[in-house]
Amino acid sequence: KTELLNLKADLEEKYSSYKEKGLKLNMSRGKPSP
């Protein structure tokens, strides 16, 4: 549990950094690229 909690803290920090970037990424459909 302690190891999971420490890992959770690290992951949430990384996750927050992505949210702050205002990303607009899409891997939802098999569309050909330009």
PDB file of all heavy atoms in Angstrom:
ATOM      1  N   LYS A   1       0.826  -1.203   0.000  1.00  0.00           N
ATOM      2  CA  LYS A   1       0.000   0.000   0.000  1.00  0.00           C
ATOM      3  C   LYS A   1       0.858   1.250   0.000  1.00  0.00           C
ATOM      4  O   LYS A   1       0.568   2.219  -0.729  1.00  0.00           O
ATOM      5  CB  LYS A   1      -0.938  -0.003   1.199  1.00  0.00           C
ATOM      6  CG  LYS A   1      -1.891   1.186   1.215  1.00  0.00           C
ATOM      7  CD  LYS A   1      -2.899   1.093   2.349  1.00  0.00           C
ATOM      8  CE  LYS A   1      -3.875   2.277   2.310  1.00  0.00           C
ATOM      9  NZ  LYS A   1      -4.883   2.187   3.403  1.00  0.00           N
ATOM     10  N   THR A   2       1.923   1.248   0.802  1.00  0.00           N
ATOM     11  CA  THR A   2       2.814   2.413   0.864  1.00  0.00           C
ATOM     12  C   THR A   2       3.469   2.664  -0.481  1.00  0.00           C
ATOM     13  O   THR A   2       3.553   3.812  -0.950  1.00  0.00           O
ATOM     14  CB  THR A   2       3.902   2.189   1.932  1.00  0.00           C
ATOM     15  OG1 THR A   2       3.275   2.030   3.214  1.00  0.00           O
ATOM     16  CG2 THR A   2       4.856   3.376   1.985  1.00  0.00           C
ATOM     17  N   GLU A   3       3.920   1.585  -1.130  1.00  0.00           N
ATOM     18  CA  GLU A   3       4.550   1.719  -2.437  1.00  0.00           C
ATOM     19  C   GLU A   3       3.558   2.235  -3.479  1.00  0.00           C
ATOM     20  O   GLU A   3       3.898   3.066  -4.327  1.00  0.00           O
ATOM     21  CB  GLU A   3       5.125   0.375  -2.879  1.00  0.00           C
ATOM     22  CG  GLU A   3       6.349  -0.055  -2.070  1.00  0.00           C
ATOM     23  CD  GLU A   3       6.787  -1.468  -2.372  1.00  0.00           C
ATOM     24  OE1 GLU A   3       5.898  -2.346  -2.557  1.00  0.00           O
ATOM     25  OE2 GLU A   3       8.009  -1.721  -2.416  1.00  0.00           O
ATOM     26  N   LEU A   4       2.331   1.770  -3.398  1.00  0.00           N
ATOM     27  CA  LEU A   4       1.302   2.231  -4.324  1.00  0.00           C
ATOM     28  C   LEU A   4       0.984   3.710  -4.116  1.00  0.00           C
ATOM     29  O   LEU A   4       0.806   4.469  -5.080  1.00  0.00           O
ATOM     30  CB  LEU A   4       0.027   1.395  -4.171  1.00  0.00           C
ATOM     31  CG  LEU A   4       0.080  -0.033  -4.725  1.00  0.00           C
ATOM     32  CD1 LEU A   4      -1.154  -0.808  -4.290  1.00  0.00           C
ATOM     33  CD2 LEU A   4       0.173  -0.015  -6.254  1.00  0.00           C
ATOM     34  N   LEU A   5       0.925   4.134  -2.862  1.00  0.00           N
ATOM     35  CA  LEU A   5       0.642   5.538  -2.559  1.00  0.00           C
ATOM     36  C   LEU A   5       1.761   6.444  -3.062  1.00  0.00           C
ATOM     37  O   LEU A   5       1.503   7.535  -3.592  1.00  0.00           O
ATOM     38  CB  LEU A   5       0.438   5.721  -1.059  1.00  0.00           C
ATOM     39  CG  LEU A   5      -0.882   5.173  -0.501  1.00  0.00           C
ATOM     40  CD1 LEU A   5      -0.863   5.175   1.020  1.00  0.00           C
ATOM     41  CD2 LEU A   5      -2.067   6.009  -1.014  1.00  0.00           C
ATOM     42  N   ASN A   6       2.995   6.016  -2.878  1.00  0.00           N
ATOM     43  CA  ASN A   6       4.132   6.800  -3.386  1.00  0.00           C
ATOM     44  C   ASN A   6       4.094   6.889  -4.914  1.00  0.00           C
ATOM     45  O   ASN A   6       4.354   7.950  -5.497  1.00  0.00           O
ATOM     46  CB  ASN A   6       5.453   6.171  -2.930  1.00  0.00           C
ATOM     47  CG  ASN A   6       5.679   6.339  -1.443  1.00  0.00           C
ATOM     48  OD1 ASN A   6       5.131   7.254  -0.815  1.00  0.00           O
ATOM     49  ND2 ASN A   6       6.479   5.458  -0.853  1.00  0.00           N
ATOM     50  N   LEU A   7       3.763   5.761  -5.539  1.00  0.00           N
ATOM     51  CA  LEU A   7       3.669   5.724  -6.991  1.00  0.00           C
ATOM     52  C   LEU A   7       2.526   6.608  -7.483  1.00  0.00           C
ATOM     53  O   LEU A   7       2.659   7.329  -8.485  1.00  0.00           O
ATOM     54  CB  LEU A   7       3.463   4.281  -7.462  1.00  0.00           C
ATOM     55  CG  LEU A   7       3.429   4.037  -8.967  1.00  0.00           C
ATOM     56  CD1 LEU A   7       4.690   4.561  -9.649  1.00  0.00           C
ATOM     57  CD2 LEU A   7       3.270   2.540  -9.253  1.00  0.00           C
ATOM     58  N   LYS A   8       1.431   6.577  -6.761  1.00  0.00           N
ATOM     59  CA  LYS A   8       0.274   7.401  -7.114  1.00  0.00           C
ATOM     60  C   LYS A   8       0.643   8.885  -7.104  1.00  0.00           C
ATOM     61  O   LYS A   8       0.257   9.640  -8.015  1.00  0.00           O
ATOM     62  CB  LYS A   8      -0.864   7.132  -6.127  1.00  0.00           C
ATOM     63  CG  LYS A   8      -2.118   7.997  -6.327  1.00  0.00           C
ATOM     64  CD  LYS A   8      -3.163   7.652  -5.271  1.00  0.00           C
ATOM     65  CE  LYS A   8      -4.328   8.630  -5.280  1.00  0.00           C
ATOM     66  NZ  LYS A   8      -5.187   8.476  -6.479  1.00  0.00           N
ATOM     67  N   ALA A   9       1.403   9.297  -6.111  1.00  0.00           N
ATOM     68  CA  ALA A   9       1.814  10.695  -6.011  1.00  0.00           C
ATOM     69  C   ALA A   9       2.668  11.102  -7.219  1.00  0.00           C
ATOM     70  O   ALA A   9       2.481  12.180  -7.800  1.00  0.00           O
ATOM     71  CB  ALA A   9       2.572  10.928  -4.713  1.00  0.00           C
ATOM     72  N   ASP A  10       3.583  10.221  -7.600  1.00  0.00           N
ATOM     73  CA  ASP A  10       4.435  10.508  -8.760  1.00  0.00           C
ATOM     74  C   ASP A  10       3.615  10.583 -10.054  1.00  0.00           C
ATOM     75  O   ASP A  10       3.817  11.478 -10.890  1.00  0.00           O
ATOM     76  CB  ASP A  10       5.511   9.427  -8.899  1.00  0.00           C
ATOM     77  CG  ASP A  10       6.541   9.481  -7.787  1.00  0.00           C
ATOM     78  OD1 ASP A  10       6.641  10.535  -7.131  1.00  0.00           O
ATOM     79  OD2 ASP A  10       7.230   8.470  -7.576  1.00  0.00           O
ATOM     80  N   LEU A  11       2.690   9.647 -10.191  1.00  0.00           N
ATOM     81  CA  LEU A  11       1.870   9.606 -11.400  1.00  0.00           C
ATOM     82  C   LEU A  11       0.942  10.826 -11.494  1.00  0.00           C
ATOM     83  O   LEU A  11       0.743  11.389 -12.569  1.00  0.00           O
ATOM     84  CB  LEU A  11       1.037   8.317 -11.427  1.00  0.00           C
ATOM     85  CG  LEU A  11       1.816   7.022 -11.678  1.00  0.00           C
ATOM     86  CD1 LEU A  11       0.935   5.801 -11.409  1.00  0.00           C
ATOM     87  CD2 LEU A  11       2.355   6.977 -13.114  1.00  0.00           C
ATOM     88  N   GLU A  12       0.391  11.217 -10.358  1.00  0.00           N
ATOM     89  CA  GLU A  12      -0.506  12.377 -10.361  1.00  0.00           C
ATOM     90  C   GLU A  12       0.244  13.652 -10.717  1.00  0.00           C
ATOM     91  O   GLU A  12      -0.317  14.556 -11.364  1.00  0.00           O
ATOM     92  CB  GLU A  12      -1.191  12.504  -8.996  1.00  0.00           C
ATOM     93  CG  GLU A  12      -2.292  11.461  -8.797  1.00  0.00           C
ATOM     94  CD  GLU A  12      -3.001  11.606  -7.471  1.00  0.00           C
ATOM     95  OE1 GLU A  12      -2.370  12.154  -6.526  1.00  0.00           O
ATOM     96  OE2 GLU A  12      -4.154  11.165  -7.369  1.00  0.00           O
ATOM     97  N   GLU A  13       1.497  13.728 -10.325  1.00  0.00           N
ATOM     98  CA  GLU A  13       2.303  14.895 -10.685  1.00  0.00           C
ATOM     99  C   GLU A  13       2.524  14.949 -12.194  1.00  0.00           C
ATOM    100  O   GLU A  13       2.382  16.002 -12.820  1.00  0.00           O
ATOM    101  CB  GLU A  13       3.650  14.827  -9.962  1.00  0.00           C
ATOM    102  CG  GLU A  13       4.526  16.054 -10.202  1.00  0.00           C
ATOM    103  CD  GLU A  13       5.824  16.016  -9.424  1.00  0.00           C
ATOM    104  OE1 GLU A  13       5.955  15.158  -8.521  1.00  0.00           O
ATOM    105  OE2 GLU A  13       6.710  16.842  -9.722  1.00  0.00           O
ATOM    106  N   LYS A  14       2.852  13.798 -12.773  1.00  0.00           N
ATOM    107  CA  LYS A  14       3.025  13.740 -14.232  1.00  0.00           C
ATOM    108  C   LYS A  14       1.708  14.053 -14.935  1.00  0.00           C
ATOM    109  O   LYS A  14       1.674  14.788 -15.924  1.00  0.00           O
ATOM    110  CB  LYS A  14       3.514  12.349 -14.647  1.00  0.00           C
ATOM    111  CG  LYS A  14       4.933  12.032 -14.241  1.00  0.00           C
ATOM    112  CD  LYS A  14       5.330  10.635 -14.712  1.00  0.00           C
ATOM    113  CE  LYS A  14       6.738  10.279 -14.269  1.00  0.00           C
ATOM    114  NZ  LYS A  14       7.100   8.897 -14.678  1.00  0.00           N
ATOM    115  N   TYR A  15       0.646  13.480 -14.416  1.00  0.00           N
ATOM    116  CA  TYR A  15      -0.671  13.665 -15.028  1.00  0.00           C
ATOM    117  C   TYR A  15      -1.077  15.144 -15.011  1.00  0.00           C
ATOM    118  O   TYR A  15      -1.568  15.672 -16.017  1.00  0.00           O
ATOM    119  CB  TYR A  15      -1.695  12.819 -14.282  1.00  0.00           C
ATOM    120  CG  TYR A  15      -3.097  12.905 -14.836  1.00  0.00           C
ATOM    121  CD1 TYR A  15      -3.415  12.369 -16.079  1.00  0.00           C
ATOM    122  CD2 TYR A  15      -4.115  13.532 -14.116  1.00  0.00           C
ATOM    123  CE1 TYR A  15      -4.703  12.449 -16.585  1.00  0.00           C
ATOM    124  CE2 TYR A  15      -5.405  13.622 -14.612  1.00  0.00           C
ATOM    125  CZ  TYR A  15      -5.690  13.069 -15.852  1.00  0.00           C
ATOM    126  OH  TYR A  15      -6.962  13.156 -16.353  1.00  0.00           O
ATOM    127  N   SER A  16      -0.837  15.804 -13.909  1.00  0.00           N
ATOM    128  CA  SER A  16      -1.169  17.230 -13.802  1.00  0.00           C
ATOM    129  C   SER A  16      -0.384  18.062 -14.812  1.00  0.00           C
ATOM    130  O   SER A  16      -0.907  19.026 -15.381  1.00  0.00           O
ATOM    131  CB  SER A  16      -0.884  17.735 -12.383  1.00  0.00           C
ATOM    132  OG  SER A  16      -1.730  17.109 -11.458  1.00  0.00           O
ATOM    133  N   SER A  17       0.854  17.675 -15.058  1.00  0.00           N
ATOM    134  CA  SER A  17       1.673  18.425 -16.015  1.00  0.00           C
ATOM    135  C   SER A  17       1.102  18.318 -17.433  1.00  0.00           C
ATOM    136  O   SER A  17       1.157  19.271 -18.204  1.00  0.00           O
ATOM    137  CB  SER A  17       3.124  17.923 -15.992  1.00  0.00           C
ATOM    138  OG  SER A  17       3.231  16.634 -16.557  1.00  0.00           O
ATOM    139  N   TYR A  18       0.523  17.145 -17.757  1.00  0.00           N
ATOM    140  CA  TYR A  18      -0.112  16.995 -19.069  1.00  0.00           C
ATOM    141  C   TYR A  18      -1.386  17.829 -19.154  1.00  0.00           C
ATOM    142  O   TYR A  18      -1.667  18.469 -20.180  1.00  0.00           O
ATOM    143  CB  TYR A  18      -0.438  15.524 -19.338  1.00  0.00           C
ATOM    144  CG  TYR A  18       0.771  14.665 -19.628  1.00  0.00           C
ATOM    145  CD1 TYR A  18       1.030  13.514 -18.881  1.00  0.00           C
ATOM    146  CD2 TYR A  18       1.652  14.995 -20.652  1.00  0.00           C
ATOM    147  CE1 TYR A  18       2.143  12.721 -19.140  1.00  0.00           C
ATOM    148  CE2 TYR A  18       2.774  14.209 -20.919  1.00  0.00           C
ATOM    149  CZ  TYR A  18       3.005  13.072 -20.158  1.00  0.00           C
ATOM    150  OH  TYR A  18       4.100  12.298 -20.416  1.00  0.00           O
ATOM    151  N   LYS A  19      -2.165  17.830 -18.090  1.00  0.00           N
ATOM    152  CA  LYS A  19      -3.415  18.597 -18.098  1.00  0.00           C
ATOM    153  C   LYS A  19      -3.144  20.091 -18.278  1.00  0.00           C
ATOM    154  O   LYS A  19      -3.911  20.800 -18.937  1.00  0.00           O
ATOM    155  CB  LYS A  19      -4.186  18.358 -16.794  1.00  0.00           C
ATOM    156  CG  LYS A  19      -4.798  16.979 -16.681  1.00  0.00           C
ATOM    157  CD  LYS A  19      -5.561  16.798 -15.392  1.00  0.00           C
ATOM    158  CE  LYS A  19      -6.838  17.624 -15.365  1.00  0.00           C
ATOM    159  NZ  LYS A  19      -7.654  17.351 -14.160  1.00  0.00           N
ATOM    160  N   GLU A  20      -2.050  20.556 -17.719  1.00  0.00           N
ATOM    161  CA  GLU A  20      -1.715  21.981 -17.797  1.00  0.00           C
ATOM    162  C   GLU A  20      -1.322  22.413 -19.214  1.00  0.00           C
ATOM    163  O   GLU A  20      -1.367  23.609 -19.533  1.00  0.00           O
ATOM    164  CB  GLU A  20      -0.570  22.301 -16.830  1.00  0.00           C
ATOM    165  CG  GLU A  20      -0.991  22.206 -15.363  1.00  0.00           C
ATOM    166  CD  GLU A  20       0.193  22.277 -14.415  1.00  0.00           C
ATOM    167  OE1 GLU A  20       1.344  22.396 -14.923  1.00  0.00           O
ATOM    168  OE2 GLU A  20      -0.005  22.193 -13.186  1.00  0.00           O
ATOM    169  N   LYS A  21      -0.966  21.460 -20.054  1.00  0.00           N
ATOM    170  CA  LYS A  21      -0.503  21.797 -21.403  1.00  0.00           C
ATOM    171  C   LYS A  21      -1.649  22.084 -22.369  1.00  0.00           C
ATOM    172  O   LYS A  21      -1.406  22.581 -23.473  1.00  0.00           O
ATOM    173  CB  LYS A  21       0.363  20.665 -21.954  1.00  0.00           C
ATOM    174  CG  LYS A  21       1.689  20.499 -21.228  1.00  0.00           C
ATOM    175  CD  LYS A  21       2.495  19.346 -21.804  1.00  0.00           C
ATOM    176  CE  LYS A  21       3.826  19.201 -21.069  1.00  0.00           C
ATOM    177  NZ  LYS A  21       4.637  18.072 -21.603  1.00  0.00           N
ATOM    178  N   GLY A  22      -2.874  21.738 -21.980  1.00  0.00           N
ATOM    179  CA  GLY A  22      -4.007  21.966 -22.862  1.00  0.00           C
ATOM    180  C   GLY A  22      -3.915  21.172 -24.154  1.00  0.00           C
ATOM    181  O   GLY A  22      -4.184  21.682 -25.245  1.00  0.00           O
ATOM    182  N   LEU A  23      -3.539  19.922 -24.043  1.00  0.00           N
ATOM    183  CA  LEU A  23      -3.330  19.069 -25.210  1.00  0.00           C
ATOM    184  C   LEU A  23      -4.638  18.782 -25.948  1.00  0.00           C
ATOM    185  O   LEU A  23      -5.714  18.723 -25.344  1.00  0.00           O
ATOM    186  CB  LEU A  23      -2.689  17.740 -24.779  1.00  0.00           C
ATOM    187  CG  LEU A  23      -1.326  17.837 -24.097  1.00  0.00           C
ATOM    188  CD1 LEU A  23      -0.932  16.484 -23.521  1.00  0.00           C
ATOM    189  CD2 LEU A  23      -0.275  18.330 -25.084  1.00  0.00           C
ATOM    190  N   LYS A  24      -4.525  18.576 -27.253  1.00  0.00           N
ATOM    191  CA  LYS A  24      -5.655  18.129 -28.067  1.00  0.00           C
ATOM    192  C   LYS A  24      -5.156  17.013 -28.976  1.00  0.00           C
ATOM    193  O   LYS A  24      -4.746  17.236 -30.108  1.00  0.00           O
ATOM    194  CB  LYS A  24      -6.227  19.285 -28.885  1.00  0.00           C
ATOM    195  CG  LYS A  24      -6.912  20.352 -28.051  1.00  0.00           C
ATOM    196  CD  LYS A  24      -7.521  21.440 -28.916  1.00  0.00           C
ATOM    197  CE  LYS A  24      -8.220  22.491 -28.061  1.00  0.00           C
ATOM    198  NZ  LYS A  24      -8.825  23.581 -28.905  1.00  0.00           N
ATOM    199  N   LEU A  25      -5.180  15.801 -28.433  1.00  0.00           N
ATOM    200  CA  LEU A  25      -4.645  14.626 -29.112  1.00  0.00           C
ATOM    201  C   LEU A  25      -5.773  13.632 -29.391  1.00  0.00           C
ATOM    202  O   LEU A  25      -6.759  13.589 -28.658  1.00  0.00           O
ATOM    203  CB  LEU A  25      -3.562  13.956 -28.258  1.00  0.00           C
ATOM    204  CG  LEU A  25      -2.402  14.863 -27.838  1.00  0.00           C
ATOM    205  CD1 LEU A  25      -1.571  14.187 -26.753  1.00  0.00           C
ATOM    206  CD2 LEU A  25      -1.547  15.200 -29.046  1.00  0.00           C
ATOM    207  N   ASN A  26      -5.605  12.825 -30.443  1.00  0.00           N
ATOM    208  CA  ASN A  26      -6.693  11.931 -30.822  1.00  0.00           C
ATOM    209  C   ASN A  26      -6.138  10.598 -31.323  1.00  0.00           C
ATOM    210  O   ASN A  26      -5.390  10.555 -32.301  1.00  0.00           O
ATOM    211  CB  ASN A  26      -7.558  12.585 -31.907  1.00  0.00           C
ATOM    212  CG  ASN A  26      -8.891  11.889 -32.080  1.00  0.00           C
ATOM    213  OD1 ASN A  26      -8.970  10.669 -32.112  1.00  0.00           O
ATOM    214  ND2 ASN A  26      -9.952  12.669 -32.184  1.00  0.00           N
ATOM    215  N   MET A  27      -6.515   9.517 -30.649  1.00  0.00           N
ATOM    216  CA  MET A  27      -6.219   8.161 -31.116  1.00  0.00           C
ATOM    217  C   MET A  27      -7.505   7.341 -31.132  1.00  0.00           C
ATOM    218  O   MET A  27      -7.521   6.172 -30.806  1.00  0.00           O
ATOM    219  CB  MET A  27      -5.177   7.478 -30.212  1.00  0.00           C
ATOM    220  CG  MET A  27      -3.801   8.092 -30.247  1.00  0.00           C
ATOM    221  SD  MET A  27      -2.522   7.002 -29.575  1.00  0.00           S
ATOM    222  CE  MET A  27      -3.033   6.868 -27.848  1.00  0.00           C
ATOM    223  N   SER A  28      -8.606   7.972 -31.552  1.00  0.00           N
ATOM    224  CA  SER A  28      -9.911   7.329 -31.410  1.00  0.00           C
ATOM    225  C   SER A  28     -10.351   6.533 -32.628  1.00  0.00           C
ATOM    226  O   SER A  28     -11.065   5.540 -32.494  1.00  0.00           O
ATOM    227  CB  SER A  28     -10.981   8.386 -31.103  1.00  0.00           C
ATOM    228  OG  SER A  28     -11.123   9.285 -32.180  1.00  0.00           O
ATOM    229  N   ARG A  29      -9.976   6.932 -33.814  1.00  0.00           N
ATOM    230  CA  ARG A  29     -10.452   6.279 -35.025  1.00  0.00           C
ATOM    231  C   ARG A  29      -9.293   5.973 -35.966  1.00  0.00           C
ATOM    232  O   ARG A  29      -8.311   6.719 -36.010  1.00  0.00           O
ATOM    233  CB  ARG A  29     -11.470   7.164 -35.759  1.00  0.00           C
ATOM    234  CG  ARG A  29     -12.832   7.182 -35.112  1.00  0.00           C
ATOM    235  CD  ARG A  29     -13.598   5.897 -35.385  1.00  0.00           C
ATOM    236  NE  ARG A  29     -14.803   5.787 -34.587  1.00  0.00           N
ATOM    237  CZ  ARG A  29     -15.532   4.681 -34.500  1.00  0.00           C
ATOM    238  NH1 ARG A  29     -15.167   3.591 -35.138  1.00  0.00           N
ATOM    239  NH2 ARG A  29     -16.612   4.645 -33.750  1.00  0.00           N
ATOM    240  N   GLY A  30      -9.438   4.924 -36.738  1.00  0.00           N
ATOM    241  CA  GLY A  30      -8.397   4.529 -37.679  1.00  0.00           C
ATOM    242  C   GLY A  30      -8.416   5.373 -38.937  1.00  0.00           C
ATOM    243  O   GLY A  30      -8.639   4.861 -40.036  1.00  0.00           O
ATOM    244  N   LYS A  31      -8.176   6.664 -38.787  1.00  0.00           N
ATOM    245  CA  LYS A  31      -8.173   7.573 -39.931  1.00  0.00           C
ATOM    246  C   LYS A  31      -6.768   7.657 -40.524  1.00  0.00           C
ATOM    247  O   LYS A  31      -5.780   7.774 -39.786  1.00  0.00           O
ATOM    248  CB  LYS A  31      -8.625   8.972 -39.501  1.00  0.00           C
ATOM    249  CG  LYS A  31     -10.064   9.068 -39.063  1.00  0.00           C
ATOM    250  CD  LYS A  31     -10.392  10.425 -38.450  1.00  0.00           C
ATOM    251  CE  LYS A  31     -10.146  11.564 -39.409  1.00  0.00           C
ATOM    252  NZ  LYS A  31     -10.572  12.865 -38.829  1.00  0.00           N
ATOM    253  N   PRO A  32      -6.664   7.637 -41.845  1.00  0.00           N
ATOM    254  CA  PRO A  32      -5.353   7.893 -42.458  1.00  0.00           C
ATOM    255  C   PRO A  32      -4.872   9.299 -42.102  1.00  0.00           C
ATOM    256  O   PRO A  32      -5.660  10.235 -41.994  1.00  0.00           O
ATOM    257  CB  PRO A  32      -5.627   7.777 -43.959  1.00  0.00           C
ATOM    258  CG  PRO A  32      -6.892   6.987 -44.064  1.00  0.00           C
ATOM    259  CD  PRO A  32      -7.697   7.343 -42.855  1.00  0.00           C
ATOM    260  N   SER A  33      -3.573   9.432 -41.932  1.00  0.00           N
ATOM    261  CA  SER A  33      -2.992  10.738 -41.628  1.00  0.00           C
ATOM    262  C   SER A  33      -2.922  11.586 -42.898  1.00  0.00           C
ATOM    263  O   SER A  33      -3.030  11.072 -44.016  1.00  0.00           O
ATOM    264  CB  SER A  33      -1.584  10.550 -41.069  1.00  0.00           C
ATOM    265  OG  SER A  33      -0.710  10.062 -42.086  1.00  0.00           O
ATOM    266  N   PRO A  34      -2.729  12.891 -42.752  1.00  0.00           N
ATOM    267  CA  PRO A  34      -2.562  13.745 -43.934  1.00  0.00           C
ATOM    268  C   PRO A  34      -1.454  13.252 -44.874  1.00  0.00           C
ATOM    269  O   PRO A  34      -1.597  13.329 -46.095  1.00  0.00           O
ATOM    270  CB  PRO A  34      -2.231  15.106 -43.331  1.00  0.00           C
ATOM    271  CG  PRO A  34      -2.942  15.111 -42.010  1.00  0.00           C
ATOM    272  CD  PRO A  34      -2.802  13.699 -41.505  1.00  0.00           C
TER     273      PRO A  34
END
